[in-house]
Amino acid sequence: MHTHKHTNRPEAGKKYTCVLNGVPVYDAEIQEARGCWATVKVLQPKPGKYEKHYKEGQVMDIKVQYYEFLESH
């Protein structure tokens, strides 16, 4: 398994706004974070061009390096 440490690594159990290419795409809870991958559960898609790509409750694996994670409370 790849063990690269990402500088903006999300933590399991925390909630974040996930930003892709400078655009907030959804709020999510991190279910699992492992190496370069994270399993996220979409809490709420953000309005905009990606809004129709995601649904509340959707669970998926994402490649951490493609996202910026802004911790939300």
C-alpha atoms as a PDB file:
ATOM      1  CA  MET A   1       0.000   0.000   0.000  1.00  0.00           C
ATOM      2  CA  HIS A   2       1.209   3.482  -0.813  1.00  0.00           C
ATOM      3  CA  THR A   3       2.092   5.436   2.339  1.00  0.00           C
ATOM      4  CA  HIS A   4       2.514   8.952   0.953  1.00  0.00           C
ATOM      5  CA  LYS A   5       1.624  11.589   3.578  1.00  0.00           C
ATOM      6  CA  HIS A   6      -0.662  14.281   2.217  1.00  0.00           C
ATOM      7  CA  THR A   7      -0.190  17.727   3.785  1.00  0.00           C
ATOM      8  CA  ASN A   8      -3.938  18.409   3.805  1.00  0.00           C
ATOM      9  CA  ARG A   9      -4.943  14.973   5.009  1.00  0.00           C
ATOM     10  CA  PRO A  10      -8.536  14.605   6.227  1.00  0.00           C
ATOM     11  CA  GLU A  11      -9.248  12.722   9.449  1.00  0.00           C
ATOM     12  CA  ALA A  12     -11.852   9.985   9.846  1.00  0.00           C
ATOM     13  CA  GLY A  13     -14.953  11.120  11.715  1.00  0.00           C
ATOM     14  CA  LYS A  14     -14.512  14.809  10.884  1.00  0.00           C
ATOM     15  CA  LYS A  15     -16.619  16.932   8.547  1.00  0.00           C
ATOM     16  CA  TYR A  16     -15.168  18.980   5.716  1.00  0.00           C
ATOM     17  CA  THR A  17     -16.112  21.067   2.736  1.00  0.00           C
ATOM     18  CA  CYS A  18     -14.372  19.294  -0.138  1.00  0.00           C
ATOM     19  CA  VAL A  19     -12.923  21.683  -2.707  1.00  0.00           C
ATOM     20  CA  LEU A  20     -11.976  20.506  -6.201  1.00  0.00           C
ATOM     21  CA  ASN A  21      -9.908  22.833  -8.422  1.00  0.00           C
ATOM     22  CA  GLY A  22     -10.816  25.799  -6.210  1.00  0.00           C
ATOM     23  CA  VAL A  23     -14.564  25.039  -6.326  1.00  0.00           C
ATOM     24  CA  PRO A  24     -16.429  23.799  -3.205  1.00  0.00           C
ATOM     25  CA  VAL A  25     -18.285  20.690  -4.406  1.00  0.00           C
ATOM     26  CA  TYR A  26     -19.833  19.139  -1.279  1.00  0.00           C
ATOM     27  CA  ASP A  27     -19.807  18.915   2.498  1.00  0.00           C
ATOM     28  CA  ALA A  28     -18.805  15.434   3.611  1.00  0.00           C
ATOM     29  CA  GLU A  29     -17.960  13.306   6.604  1.00  0.00           C
ATOM     30  CA  ILE A  30     -14.758  11.312   6.273  1.00  0.00           C
ATOM     31  CA  GLN A  31     -15.559   7.688   7.026  1.00  0.00           C
ATOM     32  CA  GLU A  32     -12.065   6.323   6.456  1.00  0.00           C
ATOM     33  CA  ALA A  33      -8.722   7.866   5.515  1.00  0.00           C
ATOM     34  CA  ARG A  34      -5.941   5.602   4.298  1.00  0.00           C
ATOM     35  CA  GLY A  35      -2.860   6.679   2.412  1.00  0.00           C
ATOM     36  CA  CYS A  36      -3.817   8.563  -0.744  1.00  0.00           C
ATOM     37  CA  TRP A  37      -7.496   7.583  -0.519  1.00  0.00           C
ATOM     38  CA  ALA A  38     -10.430   8.532   1.667  1.00  0.00           C
ATOM     39  CA  THR A  39     -13.972   7.218   1.906  1.00  0.00           C
ATOM     40  CA  VAL A  40     -16.429  10.092   2.174  1.00  0.00           C
ATOM     41  CA  LYS A  41     -20.152  10.355   2.801  1.00  0.00           C
ATOM     42  CA  VAL A  42     -21.714  13.368   1.083  1.00  0.00           C
ATOM     43  CA  LEU A  43     -23.732  15.434   3.558  1.00  0.00           C
ATOM     44  CA  GLN A  44     -24.754  18.207   1.170  1.00  0.00           C
ATOM     45  CA  PRO A  45     -23.783  19.055  -2.405  1.00  0.00           C
ATOM     46  CA  LYS A  46     -22.749  22.694  -2.856  1.00  0.00           C
ATOM     47  CA  PRO A  47     -24.632  24.861  -5.365  1.00  0.00           C
ATOM     48  CA  GLY A  48     -22.818  25.238  -8.667  1.00  0.00           C
ATOM     49  CA  LYS A  49     -21.578  23.326 -11.672  1.00  0.00           C
ATOM     50  CA  TYR A  50     -20.939  20.050  -9.770  1.00  0.00           C
ATOM     51  CA  GLU A  51     -24.171  20.066  -7.745  1.00  0.00           C
ATOM     52  CA  LYS A  52     -25.986  17.489  -9.891  1.00  0.00           C
ATOM     53  CA  HIS A  53     -23.021  15.074  -9.747  1.00  0.00           C
ATOM     54  CA  TYR A  54     -23.490  14.299  -6.034  1.00  0.00           C
ATOM     55  CA  LYS A  55     -26.374  13.223  -3.828  1.00  0.00           C
ATOM     56  CA  GLU A  56     -26.869  13.510  -0.085  1.00  0.00           C
ATOM     57  CA  GLY A  57     -25.882  10.197   1.533  1.00  0.00           C
ATOM     58  CA  GLN A  58     -23.669   9.105  -1.381  1.00  0.00           C
ATOM     59  CA  VAL A  59     -20.577   7.194  -0.202  1.00  0.00           C
ATOM     60  CA  MET A  60     -17.480   7.031  -2.389  1.00  0.00           C
ATOM     61  CA  ASP A  61     -13.717   6.742  -2.378  1.00  0.00           C
ATOM     62  CA  ILE A  62     -11.795   9.817  -3.453  1.00  0.00           C
ATOM     63  CA  LYS A  63      -8.133  10.462  -4.202  1.00  0.00           C
ATOM     64  CA  VAL A  64      -7.007  12.882  -1.480  1.00  0.00           C
ATOM     65  CA  GLN A  65      -4.460  14.745  -3.637  1.00  0.00           C
ATOM     66  CA  TYR A  66      -7.190  16.153  -5.889  1.00  0.00           C
ATOM     67  CA  TYR A  67      -9.054  17.910  -3.059  1.00  0.00           C
ATOM     68  CA  GLU A  68      -8.574  20.627  -0.515  1.00  0.00           C
ATOM     69  CA  PHE A  69     -10.346  19.889   2.774  1.00  0.00           C
ATOM     70  CA  LEU A  70     -11.792  22.778   4.775  1.00  0.00           C
ATOM     71  CA  GLU A  71     -12.842  21.529   8.203  1.00  0.00           C
ATOM     72  CA  SER A  72     -16.427  22.407   9.088  1.00  0.00           C
ATOM     73  CA  HIS A  73     -18.226  22.196  12.408  1.00  0.00           C
END
